[in-house]
Protein backbone atom coordinates (compact mmCIF):
# COMPACT_ATOMS: atom_id res chain seq x y z
CA MET A 1 -65.73 8.31 -156.62
CA LYS A 2 -66.51 7.29 -153.24
CA MET A 3 -64.59 8.31 -150.18
CA ASN A 4 -63.74 7.09 -146.95
CA ALA A 5 -64.64 9.85 -144.57
CA TYR A 6 -61.67 8.04 -142.09
CA LEU A 7 -59.00 8.67 -145.50
CA GLN A 8 -59.06 12.38 -147.10
CA ILE A 9 -56.79 13.93 -149.39
CA ASP A 10 -57.32 17.36 -148.58
CA ASN A 11 -54.80 19.01 -150.11
CA GLU A 12 -50.81 18.33 -151.42
CA GLU A 13 -47.65 19.96 -150.85
CA THR A 14 -43.98 19.31 -151.90
CA TYR A 15 -41.95 16.72 -150.02
CA GLU A 16 -39.68 18.54 -148.12
CA PRO A 17 -37.97 15.69 -145.19
CA ILE A 18 -38.41 16.83 -141.82
CA LYS A 19 -37.14 15.31 -138.57
CA LYS A 20 -39.32 12.57 -138.01
CA PRO A 21 -38.72 9.36 -135.89
CA LEU A 22 -38.22 7.51 -139.81
CA ILE A 23 -36.69 9.06 -142.59
CA PHE A 24 -38.11 8.04 -145.94
CA SER A 25 -35.17 8.04 -148.63
CA PRO A 26 -36.63 6.93 -152.27
CA GLY A 27 -34.48 6.04 -155.14
CA LEU A 28 -34.64 4.48 -158.75
CA TRP A 29 -32.95 1.43 -159.94
CA VAL A 30 -32.51 1.80 -163.91
CA ASN A 31 -30.12 -0.86 -165.43
CA GLY A 32 -27.99 -1.66 -162.57
CA LYS A 33 -27.36 1.75 -160.89
CA VAL A 34 -29.17 2.76 -158.15
CA TYR A 35 -29.82 6.88 -158.16
CA TRP A 36 -30.69 7.83 -154.14
CA LEU A 37 -32.49 11.55 -154.37
CA GLY A 38 -31.36 12.22 -150.80
CA ASN A 39 -33.11 15.78 -149.85
CA MET A 40 -34.58 16.29 -153.51
CA SER A 41 -38.01 16.14 -154.12
CA GLU A 42 -37.51 15.85 -157.63
CA LYS A 43 -34.71 14.73 -160.12
CA LEU A 44 -33.65 14.25 -163.68
CA LEU A 45 -31.82 11.89 -164.91
CA PRO A 46 -31.01 12.58 -168.37
CA GLN A 47 -28.32 9.87 -169.29
CA GLU A 48 -31.54 7.71 -168.64
CA GLU A 49 -33.99 9.63 -169.78
CA LEU A 50 -35.99 9.21 -166.90
CA SER A 51 -37.45 11.70 -164.02
CA ILE A 52 -39.05 11.44 -160.73
CA LYS A 53 -40.44 13.54 -158.73
CA ILE A 54 -42.47 13.25 -154.94
CA LYS A 55 -45.37 14.72 -153.63
CA LEU A 56 -46.65 14.70 -149.23
CA ALA A 57 -50.32 14.07 -149.11
CA ASN A 58 -52.14 14.49 -146.34
CA VAL A 59 -54.72 11.64 -145.64
CA HIS A 60 -54.51 11.31 -141.71
CA SER A 61 -52.54 12.60 -138.89
CA LYS A 62 -50.84 9.20 -138.26
CA VAL A 63 -49.76 8.92 -141.64
CA GLU A 64 -47.23 10.32 -143.86
CA PHE A 65 -48.31 9.25 -147.38
CA PHE A 66 -45.92 9.86 -150.64
CA GLU A 67 -46.79 9.84 -153.86
CA LEU A 68 -44.10 9.10 -156.41
CA TYR A 69 -44.08 10.02 -160.25
CA VAL A 70 -41.31 8.42 -162.29
CA THR A 71 -41.89 9.54 -166.24
CA ASN A 72 -40.53 7.81 -168.90
CA HIS A 73 -38.79 10.96 -171.49
CA SER A 74 -37.74 8.36 -174.13
CA LYS A 75 -39.27 6.89 -177.40
CA THR A 76 -39.09 3.59 -175.85
CA GLU A 77 -40.42 1.51 -173.02
CA LYS A 78 -38.28 1.77 -170.18
CA GLU A 79 -38.40 -0.80 -166.74
CA ALA A 80 -37.00 0.47 -163.78
CA LYS A 81 -37.60 -0.07 -159.84
CA LEU A 82 -38.40 2.16 -157.10
CA ILE A 83 -36.30 1.52 -154.11
CA LEU A 84 -38.04 3.02 -151.15
CA MET A 85 -36.11 3.14 -147.87
CA GLN A 86 -37.03 3.88 -144.12
CA ARG A 87 -34.39 4.35 -141.89
CA HIS A 88 -34.45 5.40 -137.87
CA ALA A 89 -33.32 8.76 -137.35
CA GLU A 90 -31.58 7.94 -134.27
CA SER A 91 -29.56 4.96 -133.23
CA ALA A 92 -30.71 3.38 -130.15
CA ASN A 93 -30.40 -0.78 -128.37
CA GLU A 94 -34.23 -0.80 -128.53
CA GLN A 95 -35.04 -0.12 -132.09
CA PHE A 96 -36.37 -3.22 -133.95
CA SER A 97 -37.72 -4.09 -137.22
CA PHE A 98 -38.62 -6.80 -139.49
CA VAL A 99 -40.33 -7.94 -142.25
CA SER A 100 -44.03 -9.24 -141.75
CA PRO A 101 -44.48 -11.80 -144.78
CA ASN A 102 -48.09 -12.87 -144.33
CA GLU A 103 -49.41 -9.45 -144.10
CA ASN A 104 -46.54 -8.11 -146.49
CA VAL A 105 -45.79 -5.00 -144.54
CA ILE A 106 -42.86 -4.10 -142.71
CA TYR A 107 -42.74 -2.80 -138.70
CA HIS A 108 -40.53 -0.69 -137.19
CA PHE A 109 -40.28 -0.60 -133.02
CA ALA A 110 -38.81 2.64 -131.39
CA ASP A 111 -39.35 4.78 -128.20
CA LYS A 112 -42.29 2.63 -127.52
CA ARG A 113 -44.13 3.34 -130.96
CA ILE A 114 -45.00 1.01 -134.00
CA TYR A 115 -44.28 2.17 -137.64
CA LEU A 116 -45.91 0.42 -140.48
CA VAL A 117 -44.75 0.48 -143.67
CA ASN A 118 -46.44 0.07 -147.12
CA GLY A 119 -46.99 0.91 -150.89
CA LEU A 120 -48.32 -0.19 -154.06
CA ASN A 121 -48.67 1.13 -157.58
CA SER A 122 -50.67 -0.03 -161.03
CA SER A 123 -48.05 -3.60 -160.81
CA GLY A 124 -48.93 -4.27 -157.48
CA ARG A 125 -47.88 -4.34 -153.61
CA MET A 126 -44.34 -4.63 -152.54
CA LYS A 127 -42.46 -6.99 -154.80
CA GLN A 128 -39.35 -7.77 -152.80
CA CYS A 129 -38.54 -6.67 -149.13
CA THR A 130 -35.69 -6.54 -146.79
CA VAL A 131 -34.42 -4.91 -143.01
CA GLN A 132 -30.13 -4.09 -143.26
CA PRO A 133 -28.22 -2.47 -140.67
CA ILE A 134 -27.50 0.67 -142.16
CA TRP A 135 -24.04 0.48 -142.96
CA ASN A 136 -25.20 -2.24 -145.08
CA VAL A 137 -26.95 0.42 -147.39
CA SER A 138 -24.61 1.85 -149.43
CA THR A 139 -22.25 -1.46 -149.73
CA GLU A 140 -22.68 -4.54 -152.15
CA ARG A 141 -24.36 -6.35 -149.05
CA LEU A 142 -27.41 -4.37 -149.56
CA TRP A 143 -27.89 -6.88 -152.77
CA ASN A 144 -28.50 -10.18 -154.02
CA CYS A 145 -27.75 -9.23 -157.55
CA ARG A 146 -27.24 -5.46 -158.35
CA GLU A 147 -27.40 -6.01 -162.09
CA SER A 148 -31.28 -7.48 -161.57
CA GLY A 149 -32.49 -5.14 -158.95
CA LYS A 150 -32.55 -7.64 -156.08
CA LEU A 151 -32.48 -6.91 -152.44
CA ASN A 152 -30.40 -9.01 -150.47
CA TYR A 153 -33.45 -10.57 -147.84
CA GLN A 154 -32.99 -10.10 -144.66
CA PRO A 155 -36.08 -10.46 -142.38
CA MET A 156 -35.32 -8.49 -139.30
CA ALA A 157 -32.74 -6.19 -137.61
CA LYS A 158 -31.92 -4.61 -133.93
CA GLY A 159 -30.83 -1.39 -133.20
CA SER A 160 -29.88 1.13 -136.32
CA ALA A 161 -31.45 -0.14 -139.24
CA ALA A 162 -33.01 0.23 -142.55
CA SER A 163 -35.62 -1.34 -144.34
CA LEU A 164 -36.11 -0.94 -148.18
CA PHE A 165 -38.77 -2.18 -150.61
CA SER A 166 -39.48 -1.86 -154.04
CA LEU A 167 -42.28 -0.87 -156.82
CA ASP A 168 -41.85 -2.27 -160.42
CA LEU A 169 -42.44 -0.03 -163.17
CA LYS A 170 -42.95 -1.06 -166.58
CA MET A 171 -43.40 2.82 -168.78
CA ASN A 172 -44.14 3.54 -171.95
CA PRO A 173 -42.72 5.86 -174.30
CA ARG A 174 -43.51 9.51 -172.64
CA GLU A 175 -45.62 7.86 -169.66
CA THR A 176 -45.49 8.60 -166.04
CA GLN A 177 -46.35 6.32 -163.34
CA LYS A 178 -47.67 7.20 -160.01
CA SER A 179 -46.38 5.05 -156.97
CA SER A 180 -47.67 5.40 -152.86
CA CYS A 181 -45.40 4.38 -150.24
CA TRP A 182 -46.97 4.91 -146.33
CA ILE A 183 -45.83 5.00 -142.94
CA ILE A 184 -48.25 4.76 -140.03
CA GLU A 185 -47.23 5.79 -136.38
CA GLY A 186 -48.97 4.21 -133.63
CA THR A 187 -48.64 2.88 -130.15
CA GLU A 188 -50.76 -0.75 -130.63
CA LYS A 189 -51.19 -2.95 -133.58
CA ASN A 190 -54.41 -3.22 -134.17
CA ALA A 191 -54.47 0.26 -134.86
CA VAL A 192 -51.97 0.64 -137.55
CA VAL A 193 -53.04 -2.64 -139.13
CA HIS A 194 -56.64 -0.77 -139.47
CA LEU A 195 -55.18 2.48 -140.90
CA ASN A 196 -53.42 0.39 -143.41
CA ALA A 197 -56.15 -1.80 -144.36
CA LEU A 198 -58.12 1.50 -144.97
CA LEU A 199 -55.42 3.11 -147.10
CA LEU A 200 -55.00 0.21 -149.32
CA LYS A 201 -59.17 -0.22 -149.69
CA ASN A 202 -59.19 3.40 -150.68
CA THR A 203 -59.86 4.03 -154.37
CA LEU A 204 -57.31 7.40 -153.49
CA ALA A 205 -54.39 5.47 -152.46
CA ILE A 206 -54.37 3.00 -155.87
CA PRO A 207 -52.26 4.81 -158.02
CA ASP A 208 -53.42 5.84 -161.57
CA LYS A 209 -51.36 5.78 -164.56
CA LYS A 210 -50.74 9.18 -166.56
């Protein structure tokens, strides 16, 4: 396997949220319900016969790279959606977040820095995304249709906001599927776009089914 020298996954560690400008908050949508992980790196959903585990991989000093493993413990096929949220740790009027449909990424601007958000799995890249005021996240205003897992699309928000996107999961019995999400930090758009392109092309960033 070829490895780009610019991006190296040299070790992994259990996901532990720390104080950063953007906070990563994953959740799992199943049959109209959303299960947020909060500060946990693992969560078992016995009623859904599913589990989720998160790891943080070191790929680059400017990248937070998350690996998410969802396991179907049942004897039947399961469908679900990963709902991946990024929110500003501190509220400020100069913060600005927006969806870039042409690039299929999300941008956050805060404290003269730019953050690019993206992700993929074996089903492809972000299927749907939105940027919402943070107070909408825990309400029905987040959803166009909660029952089908469809987010309420809003392209941009100023101030205290969260971006969310989904990755589709279709799992065979006893199967584990891996998804990846990353946040790239920089001061220039060209630099974060370049890093994003490398992550998308690098074979280590493309998850395998287990």
